[in-house]
Protein backbone atom coordinates (compact mmCIF):
# COMPACT_ATOMS: atom_id res chain seq x y z
CA UNK A 1 -33.94 11.24 -13.87
CA UNK A 2 -32.80 12.91 -17.06
CA UNK A 3 -30.76 10.72 -19.35
CA UNK A 4 -27.62 12.86 -19.76
CA UNK A 5 -24.73 10.74 -20.96
CA UNK A 6 -22.02 12.79 -19.23
CA UNK A 7 -23.76 12.49 -15.87
CA UNK A 8 -24.44 8.78 -16.35
CA UNK A 9 -20.79 8.14 -17.15
CA UNK A 10 -19.63 10.15 -14.12
CA UNK A 11 -21.97 8.20 -11.84
CA UNK A 12 -20.60 4.92 -13.19
CA UNK A 13 -17.03 6.02 -12.60
CA UNK A 14 -17.60 7.32 -9.07
CA UNK A 15 -19.56 4.19 -8.09
CA UNK A 16 -16.41 2.16 -8.80
CA UNK A 17 -14.61 3.86 -5.89
CA UNK A 18 -14.25 1.86 -2.62
CA UNK A 19 -17.29 2.06 -0.36
CA UNK A 20 -19.49 3.79 -2.92
CA UNK A 21 -22.47 2.47 -4.83
CA UNK A 22 -24.81 4.03 -7.42
CA UNK A 23 -26.88 5.92 -4.82
CA UNK A 24 -23.84 7.45 -3.14
CA UNK A 25 -22.36 8.25 -6.54
CA UNK A 26 -25.52 10.08 -7.57
CA UNK A 27 -25.42 12.22 -4.42
CA UNK A 28 -21.78 13.06 -5.05
CA UNK A 29 -22.45 13.98 -8.69
CA UNK A 30 -25.32 16.26 -7.68
CA UNK A 31 -23.07 17.94 -5.11
CA UNK A 32 -20.42 18.49 -7.76
CA UNK A 33 -22.89 19.89 -10.29
CA UNK A 34 -24.38 22.27 -7.75
CA UNK A 35 -20.89 23.49 -6.82
CA UNK A 36 -19.14 23.37 -10.16
CA UNK A 37 -17.01 26.48 -9.63
CA UNK A 38 -15.88 25.50 -6.13
CA UNK A 39 -15.47 21.76 -6.73
CA UNK A 40 -15.65 20.56 -10.34
CA UNK A 41 -13.11 22.92 -11.92
CA UNK A 42 -10.37 22.65 -9.25
CA UNK A 43 -10.97 18.89 -8.93
CA UNK A 44 -10.64 18.40 -12.69
CA UNK A 45 -7.39 20.37 -12.70
CA UNK A 46 -5.99 18.48 -9.71
CA UNK A 47 -6.91 15.07 -11.15
CA UNK A 48 -5.21 16.01 -14.41
CA UNK A 49 -2.05 16.97 -12.53
CA UNK A 50 -2.11 13.76 -10.48
CA UNK A 51 -2.56 11.68 -13.64
CA UNK A 52 0.32 13.49 -15.30
CA UNK A 53 2.81 13.81 -12.45
CA UNK A 54 2.24 11.10 -9.81
CA UNK A 55 3.54 7.58 -10.42
CA UNK A 56 4.56 4.51 -8.44
CA UNK A 57 8.24 3.94 -7.76
CA UNK A 58 9.48 0.92 -9.69
CA UNK A 59 11.73 -0.07 -6.81
CA UNK A 60 9.64 0.25 -3.64
CA UNK A 61 6.11 0.82 -4.94
CA UNK A 62 5.52 4.12 -3.11
CA UNK A 63 3.96 7.13 -4.78
CA UNK A 64 6.36 9.71 -6.10
CA UNK A 65 6.48 12.72 -8.36
CA UNK A 66 7.72 12.37 -11.91
CA UNK A 67 10.01 15.33 -11.33
CA UNK A 68 11.82 14.01 -8.24
CA UNK A 69 13.30 10.88 -6.72
CA UNK A 70 11.48 8.54 -4.36
CA UNK A 71 11.55 9.82 -0.78
CA UNK A 72 10.85 6.34 0.55
CA UNK A 73 13.68 4.27 -0.91
CA UNK A 74 16.13 7.11 -1.59
CA UNK A 75 16.06 8.55 1.91
CA UNK A 76 19.45 10.19 2.45
CA UNK A 77 18.54 11.97 5.69
CA UNK A 78 18.15 8.80 7.73
CA UNK A 79 19.44 5.32 7.08
CA UNK A 80 17.25 2.50 8.37
CA UNK A 81 17.98 -1.20 8.77
CA UNK A 82 14.34 -2.34 8.59
CA UNK A 83 11.83 -2.67 5.75
CA UNK A 84 8.10 -3.07 6.36
CA UNK A 85 6.41 -4.95 3.51
CA UNK A 86 2.74 -4.09 2.88
CA UNK A 87 0.23 -4.94 0.18
CA UNK A 88 -0.80 -1.47 -0.94
CA UNK A 89 -0.30 2.24 -0.36
CA UNK A 90 -3.33 2.51 1.95
CA UNK A 91 -1.56 0.11 4.33
CA UNK A 92 1.58 2.24 4.22
CA UNK A 93 -0.39 5.38 5.04
CA UNK A 94 -2.16 3.68 7.97
CA UNK A 95 1.13 2.56 9.52
CA UNK A 96 2.79 5.94 8.89
CA UNK A 97 -0.10 7.80 10.55
CA UNK A 98 0.21 5.62 13.66
CA UNK A 99 3.90 6.59 14.12
CA UNK A 100 4.62 3.00 15.18
CA UNK A 101 7.27 2.12 12.63
CA UNK A 102 10.50 3.90 11.78
CA UNK A 103 12.06 2.46 8.66
CA UNK A 104 11.59 1.91 4.96
CA UNK A 105 8.39 0.69 3.33
CA UNK A 106 8.00 -1.71 0.44
CA UNK A 107 4.60 -1.72 -1.27
CA UNK A 108 3.94 -4.90 -3.22
CA UNK A 109 0.97 -3.67 -5.21
CA UNK A 110 -1.36 -6.53 -4.24
CA UNK A 111 -1.18 -10.19 -3.29
CA UNK A 112 -0.29 -13.29 -5.24
CA UNK A 113 -3.78 -14.78 -5.14
CA UNK A 114 -5.66 -11.62 -6.08
CA UNK A 115 -7.85 -11.97 -9.14
CA UNK A 116 -5.66 -11.42 -12.17
CA UNK A 117 -2.61 -10.80 -9.97
CA UNK A 118 0.53 -12.87 -10.53
CA UNK A 119 3.62 -12.94 -8.34
CA UNK A 120 5.54 -11.58 -11.32
CA UNK A 121 3.38 -8.43 -11.15
CA UNK A 122 4.38 -7.75 -7.54
CA UNK A 123 7.57 -5.96 -6.50
CA UNK A 124 9.08 -9.02 -4.82
CA UNK A 125 12.25 -9.17 -6.92
CA UNK A 126 12.97 -5.51 -6.19
CA UNK A 127 12.44 -6.24 -2.46
CA UNK A 128 15.19 -8.87 -2.61
CA UNK A 129 17.42 -6.37 -4.40
CA UNK A 130 16.78 -3.66 -1.79
CA UNK A 131 17.47 -6.00 1.13
CA UNK A 132 20.75 -7.05 -0.44
CA UNK A 133 21.83 -3.59 -1.61
CA UNK A 134 20.89 -1.58 1.50
CA UNK A 135 22.17 -4.13 4.03
CA UNK A 136 18.73 -4.52 5.62
CA UNK A 137 18.78 -6.43 8.92
CA UNK A 138 15.04 -7.08 9.35
CA UNK A 139 12.12 -7.50 6.96
CA UNK A 140 8.72 -7.10 8.64
CA UNK A 141 5.93 -8.83 6.73
CA UNK A 142 2.84 -6.69 7.32
CA UNK A 143 0.55 -8.42 4.85
CA UNK A 144 -3.08 -8.92 5.82
CA UNK A 145 -4.20 -11.96 7.81
CA UNK A 146 -6.14 -13.27 4.83
CA UNK A 147 -5.39 -16.39 2.80
CA UNK A 148 -3.97 -14.20 0.01
CA UNK A 149 -1.91 -12.10 2.41
CA UNK A 150 -0.42 -15.12 4.15
CA UNK A 151 0.30 -16.88 0.85
CA UNK A 152 2.20 -13.80 -0.28
CA UNK A 153 4.11 -13.65 3.01
CA UNK A 154 5.23 -17.27 2.66
CA UNK A 155 6.41 -16.63 -0.90
CA UNK A 156 8.41 -13.58 0.21
CA UNK A 157 9.92 -15.57 3.05
CA UNK A 158 11.06 -18.21 0.58
CA UNK A 159 12.46 -15.54 -1.77
CA UNK A 160 14.62 -14.13 1.04
CA UNK A 161 15.84 -17.42 2.47
CA UNK A 162 19.33 -17.13 0.98
CA UNK A 163 19.96 -13.63 2.35
CA UNK A 164 21.45 -12.72 5.71
CA UNK A 165 18.30 -11.07 7.08
CA UNK A 166 15.85 -11.54 9.94
CA UNK A 167 12.24 -12.04 8.81
CA UNK A 168 9.34 -11.27 11.16
CA UNK A 169 5.58 -10.96 10.79
CA UNK A 170 2.91 -9.02 12.64
CA UNK A 171 1.50 -11.08 15.48
CA UNK A 172 -0.88 -10.39 18.38
CA UNK A 173 -3.58 -7.87 17.71
CA UNK A 174 -3.93 -8.73 14.02
CA UNK A 175 -7.24 -10.57 13.63
CA UNK A 176 -7.62 -13.48 11.23
CA UNK A 177 -8.97 -12.15 7.95
CA UNK A 178 -8.13 -8.58 8.93
CA UNK A 179 -6.74 -5.97 6.55
CA UNK A 180 -4.01 -3.57 7.67
CA UNK A 181 -5.70 -0.32 6.58
CA UNK A 182 -8.81 -1.07 8.68
CA UNK A 183 -6.92 -1.52 11.98
CA UNK A 184 -6.83 1.15 14.68
CA UNK A 185 -3.56 2.53 16.08
CA UNK A 186 -3.73 0.42 19.24
CA UNK A 187 -4.13 -2.80 17.29
CA UNK A 188 -1.30 -1.85 14.94
CA UNK A 189 0.96 -1.01 17.89
CA UNK A 190 0.28 -4.42 19.44
CA UNK A 191 0.87 -6.19 16.13
CA UNK A 192 4.25 -4.50 15.63
CA UNK A 193 5.41 -4.80 19.24
CA UNK A 194 4.62 -8.51 19.40
CA UNK A 195 5.73 -9.47 15.92
CA UNK A 196 7.10 -12.99 15.76
CA UNK A 197 10.31 -14.26 14.20
CA UNK A 198 9.83 -16.38 11.08
CA UNK A 199 13.44 -17.05 10.20
CA UNK A 200 16.82 -15.52 10.79
CA UNK A 201 19.26 -16.38 8.06
CA UNK A 202 22.09 -14.90 10.07
CA UNK A 203 22.00 -17.78 12.58
């Protein structure tokens, strides 16, 4: 293989993507090079626009455009009384695609025990603010059934203990160690339908 620095750097970058290794990255790079007009140019332009214009909302963690408000937490068309708390945007997309949940989302941006991740880095304080401000009646903890996910759920539960809100978590159908984004629609439906009550501060 020719030692071309630009290609080597591109392979390294692509191999960092989830589910891809050096071999897969090399195949992708070759595909891009062989279709530079159809793929490379429009992809480069689109990536530049995404980098420039797409950011995370500081309040709920969802993706939004720099030029507009957040459609997730500033929804004026419908007012919900539930918030589903997930670890990352991939989890939000999985639940949205299943059409199981109707309500607001709150994307933490990780878990407390993730490598290099502190609870201060997560959007837990803004979750408390949203629950209080928007008169939320139920918070659904849809964190993964991993040690990190459950640790984060317990911390959130403790953070909300002084508010008048019902706190539930996904139950049956969510396997131990499972991650939300990898679950099929049937499993997600069962997990939401059979979610269990953790605490109701309104009692």
